[in-house]
């Protein structure tokens, strides 16, 4: 049985997900390279997030020195540009009238600004919908951390590339998807097309519908030429809200696809036929 999320989220940011937080300047990039990244842990003894993020950072993080801190320490340090922060936040979409909020993992640089909404943002990745099941995403944290590090390195190397502000930047990789195998759970697909045979009508390349355990193994083994679907959408029983769809490589931690749609009577909470058509062109 899945356990309901016990997350005591670190921040409640008012900014909507429209790129409103400042994009790093050349000076910010130089400060980030010299910073120590503080990984902010939850104040929750029962958190699933804390052990997963600790393991992911200790295993993968090399772009900067790092340390783990509490939320109280974050409150004291966020204005200090000697530090960067990997921290959970809550945000929403300006066009989402469902009232849904979304958990994000953000990489921010400390700065002497009036509030934390103004901290330079190096990367932000959706993890789940507030109120959802933690076990729907915690096993993907290792891969998300690897992607954030990849993105940060890319930004450091090409700080003038404003397109990096948006995850849709990675849709440039769509042509490569056909060369790889997509692993996806049935729950992350529109029920109208949630069999491999039905998907073949829209996408002729390798797709395997698997259980969560198979995705866990693929991430752990960094399987070559495999993509997993990371979907964030409305909680069970809610029939409206934003559905976010990502395909990420288990070997290279590169994002190959990012898109969103509003869930309604015609558009289910998952990968749609239109998504498969798009990546199969």
C-alpha atoms as a PDB file:
ATOM      1  CA  UNK A   1       0.000   0.000   0.000  1.00  0.00           C
ATOM      2  CA  UNK A   2       1.274   3.428  -0.864  1.00  0.00           C
ATOM      3  CA  UNK A   3       1.849   5.801   2.016  1.00  0.00           C
ATOM      4  CA  UNK A   4       0.414   9.301   1.834  1.00  0.00           C
ATOM      5  CA  UNK A   5       2.969  12.079   1.705  1.00  0.00           C
ATOM      6  CA  UNK A   6       4.190  13.278   5.094  1.00  0.00           C
ATOM      7  CA  UNK A   7       6.240  16.101   3.626  1.00  0.00           C
ATOM      8  CA  UNK A   8       6.563  19.245   5.717  1.00  0.00           C
ATOM      9  CA  UNK A   9       7.672  21.322   2.745  1.00  0.00           C
ATOM     10  CA  UNK A  10      10.520  23.688   3.348  1.00  0.00           C
ATOM     11  CA  UNK A  11       9.216  26.738   1.519  1.00  0.00           C
ATOM     12  CA  UNK A  12       5.912  28.139   0.405  1.00  0.00           C
ATOM     13  CA  UNK A  13       6.955  30.388  -2.471  1.00  0.00           C
ATOM     14  CA  UNK A  14       4.441  32.726  -4.027  1.00  0.00           C
ATOM     15  CA  UNK A  15       6.096  32.706  -7.458  1.00  0.00           C
ATOM     16  CA  UNK A  16       4.262  30.858 -10.191  1.00  0.00           C
ATOM     17  CA  UNK A  17       6.199  28.607 -12.545  1.00  0.00           C
ATOM     18  CA  UNK A  18       6.692  31.082 -15.365  1.00  0.00           C
ATOM     19  CA  UNK A  19      10.407  31.801 -15.034  1.00  0.00           C
ATOM     20  CA  UNK A  20       9.851  34.776 -12.692  1.00  0.00           C
ATOM     21  CA  UNK A  21      12.795  34.004 -10.453  1.00  0.00           C
ATOM     22  CA  UNK A  22      15.921  35.715 -11.750  1.00  0.00           C
ATOM     23  CA  UNK A  23      18.011  33.891 -14.321  1.00  0.00           C
ATOM     24  CA  UNK A  24      21.650  33.750 -13.168  1.00  0.00           C
ATOM     25  CA  UNK A  25      23.947  36.477 -14.432  1.00  0.00           C
ATOM     26  CA  UNK A  26      27.578  35.908 -15.401  1.00  0.00           C
ATOM     27  CA  UNK A  27      28.502  37.104 -11.900  1.00  0.00           C
ATOM     28  CA  UNK A  28      26.019  34.656 -10.340  1.00  0.00           C
ATOM     29  CA  UNK A  29      27.602  31.800 -12.296  1.00  0.00           C
ATOM     30  CA  UNK A  30      31.031  32.677 -10.940  1.00  0.00           C
ATOM     31  CA  UNK A  31      29.631  32.820  -7.396  1.00  0.00           C
ATOM     32  CA  UNK A  32      27.931  29.457  -7.858  1.00  0.00           C
ATOM     33  CA  UNK A  33      31.189  27.833  -8.981  1.00  0.00           C
ATOM     34  CA  UNK A  34      32.797  28.959  -5.704  1.00  0.00           C
ATOM     35  CA  UNK A  35      29.792  28.175  -3.506  1.00  0.00           C
ATOM     36  CA  UNK A  36      29.046  25.339  -1.128  1.00  0.00           C
ATOM     37  CA  UNK A  37      25.703  23.771  -1.947  1.00  0.00           C
ATOM     38  CA  UNK A  38      23.495  23.386   1.110  1.00  0.00           C
ATOM     39  CA  UNK A  39      21.004  20.548   0.760  1.00  0.00           C
ATOM     40  CA  UNK A  40      18.005  21.497   2.885  1.00  0.00           C
ATOM     41  CA  UNK A  41      16.469  18.561   4.752  1.00  0.00           C
ATOM     42  CA  UNK A  42      12.909  18.376   5.980  1.00  0.00           C
ATOM     43  CA  UNK A  43      12.032  18.828   9.625  1.00  0.00           C
ATOM     44  CA  UNK A  44      10.260  15.490   9.666  1.00  0.00           C
ATOM     45  CA  UNK A  45      11.535  12.329  11.317  1.00  0.00           C
ATOM     46  CA  UNK A  46       9.316  10.234   9.019  1.00  0.00           C
ATOM     47  CA  UNK A  47      10.381  11.900   5.777  1.00  0.00           C
ATOM     48  CA  UNK A  48      10.971   9.652   2.773  1.00  0.00           C
ATOM     49  CA  UNK A  49      12.678  12.590   1.082  1.00  0.00           C
ATOM     50  CA  UNK A  50      15.606  12.985   3.501  1.00  0.00           C
ATOM     51  CA  UNK A  51      17.285   9.572   3.097  1.00  0.00           C
ATOM     52  CA  UNK A  52      16.724   9.601  -0.677  1.00  0.00           C
ATOM     53  CA  UNK A  53      18.214  13.067  -1.204  1.00  0.00           C
ATOM     54  CA  UNK A  54      21.152  12.275   1.100  1.00  0.00           C
ATOM     55  CA  UNK A  55      21.976   9.110  -0.825  1.00  0.00           C
ATOM     56  CA  UNK A  56      21.606  10.847  -4.194  1.00  0.00           C
ATOM     57  CA  UNK A  57      23.871  13.744  -3.234  1.00  0.00           C
ATOM     58  CA  UNK A  58      26.552  11.571  -1.630  1.00  0.00           C
ATOM     59  CA  UNK A  59      26.582   9.310  -4.683  1.00  0.00           C
ATOM     60  CA  UNK A  60      26.445  11.904  -7.465  1.00  0.00           C
ATOM     61  CA  UNK A  61      27.106  15.530  -6.515  1.00  0.00           C
ATOM     62  CA  UNK A  62      30.473  16.808  -7.742  1.00  0.00           C
ATOM     63  CA  UNK A  63      29.791  20.247  -9.244  1.00  0.00           C
ATOM     64  CA  UNK A  64      30.353  22.021  -5.893  1.00  0.00           C
ATOM     65  CA  UNK A  65      31.213  21.079  -2.303  1.00  0.00           C
ATOM     66  CA  UNK A  66      28.046  20.316  -0.322  1.00  0.00           C
ATOM     67  CA  UNK A  67      26.648  19.959   3.151  1.00  0.00           C
ATOM     68  CA  UNK A  68      23.262  19.077   4.636  1.00  0.00           C
ATOM     69  CA  UNK A  69      21.408  21.699   6.657  1.00  0.00           C
ATOM     70  CA  UNK A  70      18.118  22.164   8.493  1.00  0.00           C
ATOM     71  CA  UNK A  71      15.342  24.547   7.531  1.00  0.00           C
ATOM     72  CA  UNK A  72      16.334  26.773  10.470  1.00  0.00           C
ATOM     73  CA  UNK A  73      19.863  26.997   9.068  1.00  0.00           C
ATOM     74  CA  UNK A  74      18.452  27.790   5.636  1.00  0.00           C
ATOM     75  CA  UNK A  75      16.514  30.711   7.141  1.00  0.00           C
ATOM     76  CA  UNK A  76      19.826  32.095   8.393  1.00  0.00           C
ATOM     77  CA  UNK A  77      21.903  31.418   5.263  1.00  0.00           C
ATOM     78  CA  UNK A  78      19.728  32.079   2.190  1.00  0.00           C
ATOM     79  CA  UNK A  79      20.968  35.672   1.884  1.00  0.00           C
ATOM     80  CA  UNK A  80      24.638  34.635   1.770  1.00  0.00           C
ATOM     81  CA  UNK A  81      26.073  34.363  -1.777  1.00  0.00           C
ATOM     82  CA  UNK A  82      28.793  32.011  -0.522  1.00  0.00           C
ATOM     83  CA  UNK A  83      26.127  29.309  -0.543  1.00  0.00           C
ATOM     84  CA  UNK A  84      23.855  27.712  -3.094  1.00  0.00           C
ATOM     85  CA  UNK A  85      20.834  25.682  -2.031  1.00  0.00           C
ATOM     86  CA  UNK A  86      19.081  22.524  -3.155  1.00  0.00           C
ATOM     87  CA  UNK A  87      15.693  22.916  -1.561  1.00  0.00           C
ATOM     88  CA  UNK A  88      12.098  21.763  -1.834  1.00  0.00           C
ATOM     89  CA  UNK A  89       9.610  24.466  -2.788  1.00  0.00           C
ATOM     90  CA  UNK A  90       5.908  24.695  -3.540  1.00  0.00           C
ATOM     91  CA  UNK A  91       4.754  26.552  -6.652  1.00  0.00           C
ATOM     92  CA  UNK A  92       1.742  26.705  -8.942  1.00  0.00           C
ATOM     93  CA  UNK A  93       0.877  27.534 -12.533  1.00  0.00           C
ATOM     94  CA  UNK A  94      -0.764  30.862 -13.353  1.00  0.00           C
ATOM     95  CA  UNK A  95      -3.214  29.193 -15.765  1.00  0.00           C
ATOM     96  CA  UNK A  96      -4.116  26.320 -13.413  1.00  0.00           C
ATOM     97  CA  UNK A  97      -7.474  27.161 -11.829  1.00  0.00           C
ATOM     98  CA  UNK A  98      -7.783  23.781 -10.094  1.00  0.00           C
ATOM     99  CA  UNK A  99      -6.131  25.038  -6.907  1.00  0.00           C
ATOM    100  CA  UNK A 100      -3.352  22.454  -7.255  1.00  0.00           C
ATOM    101  CA  UNK A 101       0.178  23.165  -6.030  1.00  0.00           C
ATOM    102  CA  UNK A 102       3.321  21.328  -7.059  1.00  0.00           C
ATOM    103  CA  UNK A 103       6.454  20.233  -5.209  1.00  0.00           C
ATOM    104  CA  UNK A 104       9.682  21.276  -6.922  1.00  0.00           C
ATOM    105  CA  UNK A 105      13.353  20.621  -6.263  1.00  0.00           C
ATOM    106  CA  UNK A 106      15.177  23.922  -6.805  1.00  0.00           C
ATOM    107  CA  UNK A 107      18.838  24.831  -7.133  1.00  0.00           C
ATOM    108  CA  UNK A 108      19.143  28.436  -5.969  1.00  0.00           C
ATOM    109  CA  UNK A 109      22.051  30.775  -5.289  1.00  0.00           C
ATOM    110  CA  UNK A 110      22.160  32.754  -2.061  1.00  0.00           C
ATOM    111  CA  UNK A 111      21.835  36.499  -2.601  1.00  0.00           C
ATOM    112  CA  UNK A 112      21.264  39.680  -0.652  1.00  0.00           C
ATOM    113  CA  UNK A 113      17.728  40.263  -1.896  1.00  0.00           C
ATOM    114  CA  UNK A 114      14.491  41.253  -0.207  1.00  0.00           C
ATOM    115  CA  UNK A 115      12.917  37.775  -0.247  1.00  0.00           C
ATOM    116  CA  UNK A 116      13.672  34.246  -1.344  1.00  0.00           C
ATOM    117  CA  UNK A 117      11.524  34.571  -4.473  1.00  0.00           C
ATOM    118  CA  UNK A 118      14.310  36.749  -5.845  1.00  0.00           C
ATOM    119  CA  UNK A 119      17.156  34.248  -5.436  1.00  0.00           C
ATOM    120  CA  UNK A 120      18.839  33.369  -8.766  1.00  0.00           C
ATOM    121  CA  UNK A 121      17.489  30.026  -9.958  1.00  0.00           C
ATOM    122  CA  UNK A 122      19.857  27.582 -11.652  1.00  0.00           C
ATOM    123  CA  UNK A 123      17.347  24.769 -12.062  1.00  0.00           C
ATOM    124  CA  UNK A 124      13.893  23.700 -10.937  1.00  0.00           C
ATOM    125  CA  UNK A 125      12.338  20.268 -11.491  1.00  0.00           C
ATOM    126  CA  UNK A 126       8.778  19.209 -10.573  1.00  0.00           C
ATOM    127  CA  UNK A 127       8.656  16.238  -8.221  1.00  0.00           C
ATOM    128  CA  UNK A 128       4.988  15.721  -7.371  1.00  0.00           C
ATOM    129  CA  UNK A 129       1.632  17.308  -6.698  1.00  0.00           C
ATOM    130  CA  UNK A 130       1.091  18.535  -3.142  1.00  0.00           C
ATOM    131  CA  UNK A 131      -1.027  15.941  -1.365  1.00  0.00           C
ATOM    132  CA  UNK A 132       0.143  13.065  -3.547  1.00  0.00           C
ATOM    133  CA  UNK A 133       1.993   9.909  -2.550  1.00  0.00           C
ATOM    134  CA  UNK A 134       5.678  10.350  -1.769  1.00  0.00           C
ATOM    135  CA  UNK A 135       6.419   6.876  -3.109  1.00  0.00           C
ATOM    136  CA  UNK A 136       5.308   8.062  -6.559  1.00  0.00           C
ATOM    137  CA  UNK A 137       8.521  10.052  -6.908  1.00  0.00           C
ATOM    138  CA  UNK A 138      11.096   9.404  -4.163  1.00  0.00           C
ATOM    139  CA  UNK A 139      12.666   6.538  -6.113  1.00  0.00           C
ATOM    140  CA  UNK A 140      13.345   9.012  -8.944  1.00  0.00           C
ATOM    141  CA  UNK A 141      15.206  11.542  -6.766  1.00  0.00           C
ATOM    142  CA  UNK A 142      18.608  10.078  -7.666  1.00  0.00           C
ATOM    143  CA  UNK A 143      17.912  10.679 -11.357  1.00  0.00           C
ATOM    144  CA  UNK A 144      16.466  14.152 -10.725  1.00  0.00           C
ATOM    145  CA  UNK A 145      19.579  15.144  -8.753  1.00  0.00           C
ATOM    146  CA  UNK A 146      21.799  13.902 -11.582  1.00  0.00           C
ATOM    147  CA  UNK A 147      19.756  15.906 -14.083  1.00  0.00           C
ATOM    148  CA  UNK A 148      19.948  19.074 -11.952  1.00  0.00           C
ATOM    149  CA  UNK A 149      23.726  18.705 -11.774  1.00  0.00           C
ATOM    150  CA  UNK A 150      23.911  18.192 -15.548  1.00  0.00           C
ATOM    151  CA  UNK A 151      21.763  21.286 -16.091  1.00  0.00           C
ATOM    152  CA  UNK A 152      23.879  23.360 -13.693  1.00  0.00           C
ATOM    153  CA  UNK A 153      27.074  22.332 -15.472  1.00  0.00           C
ATOM    154  CA  UNK A 154      25.531  23.239 -18.836  1.00  0.00           C
ATOM    155  CA  UNK A 155      24.513  26.637 -17.502  1.00  0.00           C
ATOM    156  CA  UNK A 156      28.007  27.239 -16.089  1.00  0.00           C
ATOM    157  CA  UNK A 157      29.508  26.378 -19.477  1.00  0.00           C
ATOM    158  CA  UNK A 158      27.032  28.505 -21.484  1.00  0.00           C
ATOM    159  CA  UNK A 159      25.698  31.176 -19.082  1.00  0.00           C
ATOM    160  CA  UNK A 160      24.474  33.395 -21.904  1.00  0.00           C
ATOM    161  CA  UNK A 161      22.012  30.772 -23.153  1.00  0.00           C
ATOM    162  CA  UNK A 162      18.695  32.182 -21.923  1.00  0.00           C
ATOM    163  CA  UNK A 163      16.828  29.134 -23.278  1.00  0.00           C
ATOM    164  CA  UNK A 164      18.162  27.129 -20.317  1.00  0.00           C
ATOM    165  CA  UNK A 165      15.682  28.999 -18.146  1.00  0.00           C
ATOM    166  CA  UNK A 166      12.973  26.610 -19.359  1.00  0.00           C
ATOM    167  CA  UNK A 167      12.925  22.819 -19.333  1.00  0.00           C
ATOM    168  CA  UNK A 168      11.411  22.888 -22.833  1.00  0.00           C
ATOM    169  CA  UNK A 169      14.988  23.670 -23.903  1.00  0.00           C
ATOM    170  CA  UNK A 170      15.546  19.907 -23.812  1.00  0.00           C
ATOM    171  CA  UNK A 171      12.926  19.216 -26.469  1.00  0.00           C
ATOM    172  CA  UNK A 172      15.790  19.728 -28.896  1.00  0.00           C
ATOM    173  CA  UNK A 173      16.626  16.117 -27.965  1.00  0.00           C
ATOM    174  CA  UNK A 174      13.312  14.704 -29.235  1.00  0.00           C
ATOM    175  CA  UNK A 175      14.856  13.241 -32.428  1.00  0.00           C
ATOM    176  CA  UNK A 176      17.096  11.040 -30.268  1.00  0.00           C
ATOM    177  CA  UNK A 177      14.175   9.390 -28.444  1.00  0.00           C
ATOM    178  CA  UNK A 178      13.506   6.931 -31.279  1.00  0.00           C
ATOM    179  CA  UNK A 179      16.961   5.392 -30.690  1.00  0.00           C
ATOM    180  CA  UNK A 180      16.110   4.540 -27.085  1.00  0.00           C
ATOM    181  CA  UNK A 181      13.639   2.433 -25.108  1.00  0.00           C
ATOM    182  CA  UNK A 182      10.982   4.207 -23.048  1.00  0.00           C
ATOM    183  CA  UNK A 183      10.018   2.615 -19.713  1.00  0.00           C
ATOM    184  CA  UNK A 184       6.685   3.844 -18.398  1.00  0.00           C
ATOM    185  CA  UNK A 185       4.058   2.654 -15.912  1.00  0.00           C
ATOM    186  CA  UNK A 186       0.464   2.128 -17.007  1.00  0.00           C
ATOM    187  CA  UNK A 187      -0.611   4.802 -14.526  1.00  0.00           C
ATOM    188  CA  UNK A 188       1.451   7.414 -16.384  1.00  0.00           C
ATOM    189  CA  UNK A 189      -0.412   6.884 -19.681  1.00  0.00           C
ATOM    190  CA  UNK A 190      -3.840   7.943 -20.893  1.00  0.00           C
ATOM    191  CA  UNK A 191      -6.066   4.899 -20.097  1.00  0.00           C
ATOM    192  CA  UNK A 192      -7.273   4.969 -23.704  1.00  0.00           C
ATOM    193  CA  UNK A 193      -3.800   3.949 -24.941  1.00  0.00           C
ATOM    194  CA  UNK A 194      -2.249   2.177 -21.919  1.00  0.00           C
ATOM    195  CA  UNK A 195      -1.065  -0.949 -23.714  1.00  0.00           C
ATOM    196  CA  UNK A 196       2.020  -1.337 -25.878  1.00  0.00           C
ATOM    197  CA  UNK A 197      -0.169  -2.432 -28.782  1.00  0.00           C
ATOM    198  CA  UNK A 198      -2.321   0.711 -28.594  1.00  0.00           C
ATOM    199  CA  UNK A 199       0.730   2.970 -28.311  1.00  0.00           C
ATOM    200  CA  UNK A 200       2.087   1.427 -31.532  1.00  0.00           C
ATOM    201  CA  UNK A 201      -0.695   3.201 -33.440  1.00  0.00           C
ATOM    202  CA  UNK A 202       0.956   6.516 -32.571  1.00  0.00           C
ATOM    203  CA  UNK A 203       4.596   5.648 -31.865  1.00  0.00           C
ATOM    204  CA  UNK A 204       6.436   2.872 -33.695  1.00  0.00           C
ATOM    205  CA  UNK A 205       9.575   2.784 -31.542  1.00  0.00           C
ATOM    206  CA  UNK A 206      10.425   0.804 -28.373  1.00  0.00           C
ATOM    207  CA  UNK A 207       8.119   1.368 -25.383  1.00  0.00           C
ATOM    208  CA  UNK A 208       7.753  -0.987 -22.429  1.00  0.00           C
ATOM    209  CA  UNK A 209       4.961  -0.670 -19.880  1.00  0.00           C
ATOM    210  CA  UNK A 210       6.492  -1.804 -16.602  1.00  0.00           C
ATOM    211  CA  UNK A 211       6.028  -1.737 -12.832  1.00  0.00           C
ATOM    212  CA  UNK A 212       7.799   0.786 -10.581  1.00  0.00           C
ATOM    213  CA  UNK A 213      10.392  -1.831  -9.591  1.00  0.00           C
ATOM    214  CA  UNK A 214      11.664  -2.080 -13.158  1.00  0.00           C
ATOM    215  CA  UNK A 215      12.148   1.687 -13.310  1.00  0.00           C
ATOM    216  CA  UNK A 216      13.986   1.609  -9.976  1.00  0.00           C
ATOM    217  CA  UNK A 217      16.396  -1.005 -11.386  1.00  0.00           C
ATOM    218  CA  UNK A 218      16.938   0.942 -14.598  1.00  0.00           C
ATOM    219  CA  UNK A 219      17.817   4.074 -12.620  1.00  0.00           C
ATOM    220  CA  UNK A 220      20.135   2.184 -10.253  1.00  0.00           C
ATOM    221  CA  UNK A 221      21.897   0.377 -13.107  1.00  0.00           C
ATOM    222  CA  UNK A 222      22.070   3.520 -15.302  1.00  0.00           C
ATOM    223  CA  UNK A 223      20.895   1.379 -18.194  1.00  0.00           C
ATOM    224  CA  UNK A 224      22.180   2.612 -21.539  1.00  0.00           C
ATOM    225  CA  UNK A 225      19.722   3.981 -24.089  1.00  0.00           C
ATOM    226  CA  UNK A 226      16.765   3.845 -21.686  1.00  0.00           C
ATOM    227  CA  UNK A 227      14.393   6.699 -20.877  1.00  0.00           C
ATOM    228  CA  UNK A 228      11.957   6.744 -17.978  1.00  0.00           C
ATOM    229  CA  UNK A 229       8.791   8.769 -17.802  1.00  0.00           C
ATOM    230  CA  UNK A 230       8.506  11.133 -14.838  1.00  0.00           C
ATOM    231  CA  UNK A 231       4.931  12.364 -14.706  1.00  0.00           C
ATOM    232  CA  UNK A 232       3.501  14.860 -12.218  1.00  0.00           C
ATOM    233  CA  UNK A 233      -0.253  15.332 -12.249  1.00  0.00           C
ATOM    234  CA  UNK A 234      -3.399  15.817 -10.184  1.00  0.00           C
ATOM    235  CA  UNK A 235      -3.826  13.627  -7.117  1.00  0.00           C
ATOM    236  CA  UNK A 236      -6.012  10.543  -7.351  1.00  0.00           C
ATOM    237  CA  UNK A 237      -9.692  11.431  -7.520  1.00  0.00           C
ATOM    238  CA  UNK A 238      -9.085  14.942  -8.881  1.00  0.00           C
ATOM    239  CA  UNK A 239     -10.059  15.374 -12.520  1.00  0.00           C
ATOM    240  CA  UNK A 240      -8.503  18.728 -13.320  1.00  0.00           C
ATOM    241  CA  UNK A 241      -5.105  20.344 -12.934  1.00  0.00           C
ATOM    242  CA  UNK A 242      -1.771  20.475 -14.723  1.00  0.00           C
ATOM    243  CA  UNK A 243      -0.095  17.292 -15.973  1.00  0.00           C
ATOM    244  CA  UNK A 244       3.674  17.579 -16.434  1.00  0.00           C
ATOM    245  CA  UNK A 245       5.452  14.968 -18.562  1.00  0.00           C
ATOM    246  CA  UNK A 246       9.208  14.349 -18.742  1.00  0.00           C
ATOM    247  CA  UNK A 247      11.405  11.699 -20.348  1.00  0.00           C
ATOM    248  CA  UNK A 248      14.875  11.398 -18.766  1.00  0.00           C
ATOM    249  CA  UNK A 249      17.783   9.119 -19.688  1.00  0.00           C
ATOM    250  CA  UNK A 250      18.802   6.642 -17.005  1.00  0.00           C
ATOM    251  CA  UNK A 251      22.402   6.554 -18.250  1.00  0.00           C
ATOM    252  CA  UNK A 252      23.133  10.207 -19.033  1.00  0.00           C
ATOM    253  CA  UNK A 253      20.496  11.943 -16.836  1.00  0.00           C
ATOM    254  CA  UNK A 254      19.602  14.186 -19.785  1.00  0.00           C
ATOM    255  CA  UNK A 255      16.013  15.278 -20.333  1.00  0.00           C
ATOM    256  CA  UNK A 256      14.688  14.368 -23.772  1.00  0.00           C
ATOM    257  CA  UNK A 257      11.118  15.606 -23.510  1.00  0.00           C
ATOM    258  CA  UNK A 258       9.160  18.100 -21.426  1.00  0.00           C
ATOM    259  CA  UNK A 259       5.582  19.249 -21.864  1.00  0.00           C
ATOM    260  CA  UNK A 260       2.442  20.076 -19.911  1.00  0.00           C
ATOM    261  CA  UNK A 261      -1.289  19.984 -20.506  1.00  0.00           C
ATOM    262  CA  UNK A 262      -4.438  20.701 -18.540  1.00  0.00           C
ATOM    263  CA  UNK A 263      -6.314  17.587 -17.435  1.00  0.00           C
ATOM    264  CA  UNK A 264      -9.982  17.580 -18.387  1.00  0.00           C
ATOM    265  CA  UNK A 265     -12.637  15.267 -19.831  1.00  0.00           C
ATOM    266  CA  UNK A 266     -10.728  15.005 -23.126  1.00  0.00           C
ATOM    267  CA  UNK A 267      -7.140  14.977 -21.829  1.00  0.00           C
ATOM    268  CA  UNK A 268      -6.191  12.360 -19.252  1.00  0.00           C
ATOM    269  CA  UNK A 269      -3.626  12.579 -16.455  1.00  0.00           C
ATOM    270  CA  UNK A 270      -0.678  11.040 -18.292  1.00  0.00           C
ATOM    271  CA  UNK A 271       1.157  10.735 -21.608  1.00  0.00           C
ATOM    272  CA  UNK A 272      -1.348  11.314 -24.387  1.00  0.00           C
ATOM    273  CA  UNK A 273      -1.556  10.014 -27.932  1.00  0.00           C
ATOM    274  CA  UNK A 274      -0.474  13.512 -29.007  1.00  0.00           C
ATOM    275  CA  UNK A 275       2.737  13.169 -26.952  1.00  0.00           C
ATOM    276  CA  UNK A 276       3.616   9.892 -28.628  1.00  0.00           C
ATOM    277  CA  UNK A 277       2.815  11.350 -32.052  1.00  0.00           C
ATOM    278  CA  UNK A 278       5.101  14.307 -31.366  1.00  0.00           C
ATOM    279  CA  UNK A 279       8.117  12.302 -30.233  1.00  0.00           C
ATOM    280  CA  UNK A 280       7.623   9.772 -33.040  1.00  0.00           C
ATOM    281  CA  UNK A 281       7.719  12.207 -35.953  1.00  0.00           C
END
